[in-house]
Structure formats: structure tokens, C-alpha cells
Amino acid sequence: MRLFLIAYDLVGSSPHKHAMATAIMNLGEAWARPLESTWYVRADTSEREIQNTLAGLLDVDDALIVQPVSEGAAMANTALRWFRRKKEDAHHANNVIAFPGGSPPPIFPPVPLAEAV
């Protein structure tokens, strides 16, 4: 499983904003969204495959970055909340896997990506 940073700029009031978010949430096993258009995704794929999946949602003036990253990061005024992709399974009714403040034990081991400062 690899970790990717995905960031995009959708110019103006893009009709693809919701579609882009939905597509990113369906890319891998888990995702986090620390900023409006910045995501972390855990997936068994390549950056090129992610780019190919999301590129169809971009207009000519939009931009996309897909980059494999390591576990370390520094963040200010934001935090990571990891979610897993929803499944059509009654045993997985909740898709939150890591949430600050007394959440149920995560399915994946805690990942120290960043500390809010």
C-alpha cells in the first residue's frame, strides 16, 4: 500500500468539484483531506494511474498534482482524519478509521503523518 498526496486547483465554480472528491475517495483503501483541495490517499496503484483516473474531471485551466510521499509532514491549523472507503457491508457501517478525541480503535495502525502546530 502506497501513500499519495493529491492536490488540485479547479478554476472558477467547477462543476466537477463533487465528482473529483468522490473519485479521490474511491481510489484506495483510506483517505484524509487536510485542506480544501489537498488529499492523502492510501492505494495499491501508481501516480500515473491516479492521474489518468482524475484527468477526465479537469477542464483546460484546472491543475492536478499526484505525488507519492513518505509518512512525515508538518501542518499548521489543520489535522488529519483518516477514513476508509465505504463498503456495502453491514459490518463496516462507520467509515471513520482515525479521528482525534476518543474514537474507536483504528482498523489500520496509527500513521504519524503530521502534528498540528
N, C-alpha and C. Protein backbone atom coordinates (compact mmCIF):
# COMPACT_ATOMS: atom_id res chain seq x y z
N MET A 1 0.86 -1.17 0.00
CA MET A 1 0.00 0.00 0.00
C MET A 1 0.90 1.23 0.00
N ARG A 2 0.65 2.14 -0.93
CA ARG A 2 1.45 3.37 -1.04
C ARG A 2 0.64 4.57 -0.58
N LEU A 3 1.35 5.61 -0.18
CA LEU A 3 0.71 6.85 0.25
C LEU A 3 0.95 7.92 -0.80
N PHE A 4 -0.13 8.60 -1.22
CA PHE A 4 -0.05 9.64 -2.23
C PHE A 4 -0.61 10.94 -1.71
N LEU A 5 0.02 12.04 -2.12
CA LEU A 5 -0.53 13.37 -1.92
C LEU A 5 -1.20 13.75 -3.24
N ILE A 6 -2.44 14.18 -3.17
CA ILE A 6 -3.17 14.63 -4.35
C ILE A 6 -3.65 16.05 -4.07
N ALA A 7 -3.30 16.97 -4.95
CA ALA A 7 -3.74 18.36 -4.82
C ALA A 7 -4.22 18.82 -6.18
N TYR A 8 -5.23 19.69 -6.17
CA TYR A 8 -5.75 20.19 -7.44
C TYR A 8 -6.27 21.61 -7.28
N ASP A 9 -6.33 22.32 -8.40
CA ASP A 9 -6.98 23.62 -8.49
C ASP A 9 -8.05 23.50 -9.56
N LEU A 10 -9.28 23.70 -9.17
CA LEU A 10 -10.39 23.73 -10.13
C LEU A 10 -10.77 25.20 -10.28
N VAL A 11 -10.54 25.75 -11.46
CA VAL A 11 -10.72 27.17 -11.71
C VAL A 11 -12.21 27.52 -11.72
N GLY A 12 -12.54 28.62 -11.05
CA GLY A 12 -13.92 29.08 -11.03
C GLY A 12 -14.82 28.14 -10.26
N SER A 13 -16.08 28.17 -10.56
CA SER A 13 -17.04 27.29 -9.89
C SER A 13 -17.18 26.02 -10.74
N SER A 14 -16.19 25.19 -10.64
CA SER A 14 -16.13 23.98 -11.47
C SER A 14 -17.28 23.03 -11.16
N PRO A 15 -17.94 22.55 -12.20
CA PRO A 15 -18.99 21.56 -11.98
C PRO A 15 -18.45 20.20 -11.56
N HIS A 16 -17.12 20.05 -11.58
CA HIS A 16 -16.50 18.76 -11.28
C HIS A 16 -16.03 18.64 -9.84
N LYS A 17 -16.28 19.63 -8.99
CA LYS A 17 -15.77 19.62 -7.62
C LYS A 17 -16.23 18.39 -6.84
N HIS A 18 -17.52 18.11 -6.86
CA HIS A 18 -18.05 16.94 -6.14
C HIS A 18 -17.57 15.64 -6.78
N ALA A 19 -17.54 15.61 -8.10
CA ALA A 19 -17.08 14.41 -8.80
C ALA A 19 -15.61 14.12 -8.50
N MET A 20 -14.80 15.16 -8.39
CA MET A 20 -13.38 14.98 -8.07
C MET A 20 -13.24 14.40 -6.67
N ALA A 21 -13.96 14.96 -5.71
CA ALA A 21 -13.88 14.44 -4.33
C ALA A 21 -14.33 12.99 -4.28
N THR A 22 -15.41 12.66 -4.95
CA THR A 22 -15.92 11.28 -4.96
C THR A 22 -14.90 10.33 -5.60
N ALA A 23 -14.31 10.76 -6.71
CA ALA A 23 -13.32 9.91 -7.39
C ALA A 23 -12.11 9.66 -6.49
N ILE A 24 -11.65 10.69 -5.79
CA ILE A 24 -10.49 10.53 -4.91
C ILE A 24 -10.82 9.58 -3.76
N MET A 25 -12.01 9.71 -3.18
CA MET A 25 -12.39 8.83 -2.07
C MET A 25 -12.49 7.37 -2.50
N ASN A 26 -12.67 7.13 -3.78
CA ASN A 26 -12.79 5.76 -4.28
C ASN A 26 -11.49 5.20 -4.84
N LEU A 27 -10.40 5.94 -4.73
CA LEU A 27 -9.13 5.48 -5.30
C LEU A 27 -8.48 4.35 -4.52
N GLY A 28 -8.56 4.40 -3.21
CA GLY A 28 -7.81 3.44 -2.41
C GLY A 28 -8.58 2.97 -1.21
N GLU A 29 -7.85 2.42 -0.26
CA GLU A 29 -8.46 1.88 0.95
C GLU A 29 -8.78 2.94 1.99
N ALA A 30 -7.99 4.02 2.02
CA ALA A 30 -8.20 5.06 3.03
C ALA A 30 -7.80 6.41 2.46
N TRP A 31 -8.41 7.47 3.01
CA TRP A 31 -8.11 8.82 2.55
C TRP A 31 -8.25 9.81 3.70
N ALA A 32 -7.55 10.93 3.56
CA ALA A 32 -7.64 12.04 4.50
C ALA A 32 -7.62 13.33 3.67
N ARG A 33 -8.31 14.35 4.16
CA ARG A 33 -8.42 15.62 3.43
C ARG A 33 -8.07 16.77 4.38
N PRO A 34 -6.77 17.10 4.51
CA PRO A 34 -6.39 18.15 5.46
C PRO A 34 -6.74 19.56 5.00
N LEU A 35 -6.86 19.79 3.71
CA LEU A 35 -7.21 21.10 3.16
C LEU A 35 -8.27 20.93 2.08
N GLU A 36 -8.86 22.02 1.68
CA GLU A 36 -9.99 22.01 0.73
C GLU A 36 -9.73 21.15 -0.51
N SER A 37 -8.57 21.30 -1.11
CA SER A 37 -8.29 20.54 -2.33
C SER A 37 -6.97 19.78 -2.25
N THR A 38 -6.64 19.33 -1.04
CA THR A 38 -5.43 18.54 -0.80
C THR A 38 -5.82 17.27 -0.06
N TRP A 39 -5.39 16.15 -0.56
CA TRP A 39 -5.78 14.84 -0.03
C TRP A 39 -4.55 13.97 0.16
N TYR A 40 -4.66 13.03 1.10
CA TYR A 40 -3.75 11.89 1.20
C TYR A 40 -4.59 10.65 0.90
N VAL A 41 -4.04 9.74 0.11
CA VAL A 41 -4.75 8.51 -0.24
C VAL A 41 -3.80 7.34 -0.09
N ARG A 42 -4.26 6.27 0.56
CA ARG A 42 -3.52 5.00 0.62
C ARG A 42 -4.11 4.09 -0.43
N ALA A 43 -3.28 3.69 -1.38
CA ALA A 43 -3.78 2.89 -2.50
C ALA A 43 -2.70 1.97 -3.06
N ASP A 44 -3.13 0.88 -3.63
CA ASP A 44 -2.25 -0.04 -4.34
C ASP A 44 -2.31 0.31 -5.82
N THR A 45 -1.66 1.39 -6.21
CA THR A 45 -1.67 1.85 -7.59
C THR A 45 -0.45 2.73 -7.81
N SER A 46 -0.38 3.38 -8.95
CA SER A 46 0.73 4.28 -9.25
C SER A 46 0.21 5.70 -9.41
N GLU A 47 1.12 6.65 -9.33
CA GLU A 47 0.72 8.03 -9.53
C GLU A 47 0.16 8.26 -10.93
N ARG A 48 0.70 7.57 -11.91
CA ARG A 48 0.21 7.70 -13.29
C ARG A 48 -1.22 7.18 -13.42
N GLU A 49 -1.52 6.07 -12.76
CA GLU A 49 -2.90 5.54 -12.80
C GLU A 49 -3.88 6.49 -12.11
N ILE A 50 -3.46 7.10 -11.00
CA ILE A 50 -4.32 8.07 -10.33
C ILE A 50 -4.54 9.28 -11.23
N GLN A 51 -3.47 9.77 -11.84
CA GLN A 51 -3.59 10.91 -12.77
C GLN A 51 -4.56 10.57 -13.90
N ASN A 52 -4.43 9.40 -14.48
CA ASN A 52 -5.32 9.01 -15.57
C ASN A 52 -6.77 8.94 -15.12
N THR A 53 -7.01 8.49 -13.89
CA THR A 53 -8.37 8.40 -13.37
C THR A 53 -8.98 9.78 -13.17
N LEU A 54 -8.19 10.71 -12.66
CA LEU A 54 -8.73 12.04 -12.31
C LEU A 54 -8.67 13.05 -13.45
N ALA A 55 -7.82 12.84 -14.43
CA ALA A 55 -7.62 13.83 -15.50
C ALA A 55 -8.89 14.12 -16.29
N GLY A 56 -9.77 13.15 -16.42
CA GLY A 56 -11.01 13.37 -17.16
C GLY A 56 -11.96 14.34 -16.48
N LEU A 57 -11.68 14.67 -15.21
CA LEU A 57 -12.53 15.61 -14.47
C LEU A 57 -11.97 17.03 -14.51
N LEU A 58 -10.86 17.22 -15.20
CA LEU A 58 -10.23 18.54 -15.27
C LEU A 58 -10.65 19.28 -16.53
N ASP A 59 -10.88 20.60 -16.37
CA ASP A 59 -11.06 21.46 -17.52
C ASP A 59 -9.68 21.96 -17.96
N VAL A 60 -9.62 22.66 -19.06
CA VAL A 60 -8.35 23.08 -19.64
C VAL A 60 -7.55 23.98 -18.70
N ASP A 61 -8.19 24.76 -17.85
CA ASP A 61 -7.48 25.66 -16.94
C ASP A 61 -7.25 25.07 -15.54
N ASP A 62 -7.70 23.86 -15.28
CA ASP A 62 -7.54 23.21 -13.98
C ASP A 62 -6.15 22.58 -13.88
N ALA A 63 -5.74 22.23 -12.67
CA ALA A 63 -4.42 21.63 -12.46
C ALA A 63 -4.52 20.50 -11.45
N LEU A 64 -3.60 19.53 -11.57
CA LEU A 64 -3.59 18.35 -10.71
C LEU A 64 -2.16 17.95 -10.41
N ILE A 65 -1.89 17.60 -9.15
CA ILE A 65 -0.60 17.03 -8.74
C ILE A 65 -0.89 15.73 -8.03
N VAL A 66 -0.19 14.67 -8.42
CA VAL A 66 -0.25 13.38 -7.73
C VAL A 66 1.19 12.98 -7.43
N GLN A 67 1.50 12.82 -6.14
CA GLN A 67 2.88 12.54 -5.76
C GLN A 67 2.93 11.50 -4.65
N PRO A 68 3.75 10.45 -4.84
CA PRO A 68 3.96 9.52 -3.72
C PRO A 68 4.74 10.25 -2.64
N VAL A 69 4.36 10.04 -1.37
CA VAL A 69 5.00 10.74 -0.27
C VAL A 69 5.36 9.77 0.84
N SER A 70 6.21 10.25 1.75
CA SER A 70 6.58 9.47 2.92
C SER A 70 5.60 9.79 4.04
N GLU A 71 5.82 9.20 5.18
CA GLU A 71 4.91 9.36 6.31
C GLU A 71 5.03 10.71 7.01
N GLY A 72 6.14 11.40 6.88
CA GLY A 72 6.36 12.63 7.63
C GLY A 72 5.74 13.84 6.96
N ALA A 73 5.20 14.75 7.77
CA ALA A 73 4.66 16.02 7.27
C ALA A 73 4.53 16.98 8.44
N ALA A 74 4.52 18.26 8.15
CA ALA A 74 4.26 19.28 9.16
C ALA A 74 3.04 20.07 8.72
N MET A 75 2.13 20.33 9.65
CA MET A 75 0.89 21.04 9.32
C MET A 75 0.60 22.08 10.38
N ALA A 76 -0.04 23.15 9.97
CA ALA A 76 -0.47 24.20 10.90
C ALA A 76 -1.95 24.48 10.66
N ASN A 77 -2.70 24.58 11.73
CA ASN A 77 -4.13 24.90 11.68
C ASN A 77 -4.95 23.88 10.89
N THR A 78 -4.52 22.65 10.89
CA THR A 78 -5.28 21.57 10.26
C THR A 78 -4.87 20.27 10.92
N ALA A 79 -5.57 19.21 10.63
CA ALA A 79 -5.26 17.89 11.18
C ALA A 79 -5.70 16.83 10.18
N LEU A 80 -5.24 15.63 10.39
CA LEU A 80 -5.63 14.52 9.53
C LEU A 80 -6.68 13.68 10.22
N ARG A 81 -7.73 13.38 9.53
CA ARG A 81 -8.73 12.42 9.96
C ARG A 81 -8.80 11.38 8.85
N TRP A 82 -8.41 10.16 9.18
CA TRP A 82 -8.37 9.11 8.17
C TRP A 82 -9.73 8.42 8.08
N PHE A 83 -10.17 8.19 6.87
CA PHE A 83 -11.42 7.49 6.59
C PHE A 83 -11.11 6.32 5.68
N ARG A 84 -11.93 5.30 5.74
CA ARG A 84 -11.77 4.20 4.79
C ARG A 84 -12.90 4.30 3.78
N ARG A 85 -12.68 3.71 2.64
CA ARG A 85 -13.69 3.70 1.60
C ARG A 85 -14.90 2.94 2.10
N LYS A 86 -16.09 3.49 1.88
CA LYS A 86 -17.31 2.82 2.32
C LYS A 86 -17.52 1.53 1.54
N LYS A 87 -17.98 0.53 2.25
CA LYS A 87 -18.25 -0.76 1.63
C LYS A 87 -19.70 -1.11 1.87
N GLU A 88 -20.25 -1.88 1.01
CA GLU A 88 -21.64 -2.32 1.14
C GLU A 88 -21.71 -3.52 2.08
N ASP A 89 -21.26 -3.29 3.31
CA ASP A 89 -21.17 -4.38 4.27
C ASP A 89 -21.68 -3.89 5.62
N ALA A 90 -22.62 -4.57 6.20
CA ALA A 90 -23.20 -4.15 7.48
C ALA A 90 -22.15 -4.14 8.60
N HIS A 91 -21.08 -4.92 8.47
CA HIS A 91 -20.04 -4.95 9.49
C HIS A 91 -19.18 -3.69 9.47
N HIS A 92 -19.25 -2.91 8.39
CA HIS A 92 -18.46 -1.69 8.26
C HIS A 92 -19.40 -0.49 8.11
N ALA A 93 -20.29 -0.29 9.05
CA ALA A 93 -21.26 0.79 8.96
C ALA A 93 -20.62 2.16 9.13
N ASN A 94 -19.48 2.25 9.78
CA ASN A 94 -18.81 3.51 10.02
C ASN A 94 -17.52 3.53 9.21
N ASN A 95 -17.32 4.60 8.43
CA ASN A 95 -16.11 4.64 7.62
C ASN A 95 -14.97 5.44 8.26
N VAL A 96 -15.15 5.95 9.47
CA VAL A 96 -14.07 6.67 10.16
C VAL A 96 -13.12 5.65 10.76
N ILE A 97 -11.83 5.76 10.42
CA ILE A 97 -10.86 4.83 10.99
C ILE A 97 -9.90 5.50 11.95
N ALA A 98 -9.77 6.79 11.90
CA ALA A 98 -8.93 7.51 12.85
C ALA A 98 -9.46 8.92 12.97
N PHE A 99 -9.86 9.28 14.17
CA PHE A 99 -10.45 10.60 14.40
C PHE A 99 -9.99 11.07 15.76
N PRO A 100 -9.48 12.29 15.86
CA PRO A 100 -8.98 12.77 17.16
C PRO A 100 -10.07 12.76 18.22
N GLY A 101 -9.70 12.41 19.44
CA GLY A 101 -10.61 12.54 20.57
C GLY A 101 -11.51 11.37 20.85
N GLY A 102 -10.99 10.25 21.24
CA GLY A 102 -11.81 9.16 21.74
C GLY A 102 -12.54 8.37 20.67
N SER A 103 -11.95 8.17 19.54
CA SER A 103 -12.59 7.38 18.50
C SER A 103 -12.39 5.90 18.77
N PRO A 104 -13.16 5.05 18.08
CA PRO A 104 -12.92 3.62 18.21
C PRO A 104 -11.54 3.27 17.67
N PRO A 105 -10.98 2.13 18.06
CA PRO A 105 -9.65 1.78 17.60
C PRO A 105 -9.60 1.72 16.07
N PRO A 106 -8.56 2.29 15.46
CA PRO A 106 -8.48 2.29 14.01
C PRO A 106 -8.24 0.89 13.46
N ILE A 107 -8.72 0.68 12.25
CA ILE A 107 -8.51 -0.59 11.57
C ILE A 107 -7.05 -0.70 11.14
N PHE A 108 -6.48 0.42 10.66
CA PHE A 108 -5.08 0.45 10.27
C PHE A 108 -4.29 0.95 11.47
N PRO A 109 -3.04 0.55 11.63
CA PRO A 109 -2.24 1.10 12.72
C PRO A 109 -2.12 2.61 12.55
N PRO A 110 -2.01 3.35 13.66
CA PRO A 110 -1.89 4.80 13.56
C PRO A 110 -0.68 5.18 12.71
N VAL A 111 -0.86 6.18 11.88
CA VAL A 111 0.20 6.65 11.00
C VAL A 111 0.57 8.07 11.41
N PRO A 112 1.79 8.29 11.89
CA PRO A 112 2.18 9.62 12.34
C PRO A 112 2.54 10.51 11.17
N LEU A 113 1.56 10.90 10.36
CA LEU A 113 1.84 11.75 9.21
C LEU A 113 2.22 13.16 9.63
N ALA A 114 1.51 13.71 10.59
CA ALA A 114 1.80 15.09 10.95
C ALA A 114 1.22 15.41 12.31
N GLU A 115 1.75 16.45 12.89
CA GLU A 115 1.20 17.00 14.12
C GLU A 115 0.79 18.42 13.82
N ALA A 116 -0.40 18.79 14.22
CA ALA A 116 -0.83 20.17 14.08
C ALA A 116 -0.04 21.02 15.06
N VAL A 117 0.40 22.17 14.61
CA VAL A 117 1.16 23.06 15.47
C VAL A 117 0.41 24.34 15.71
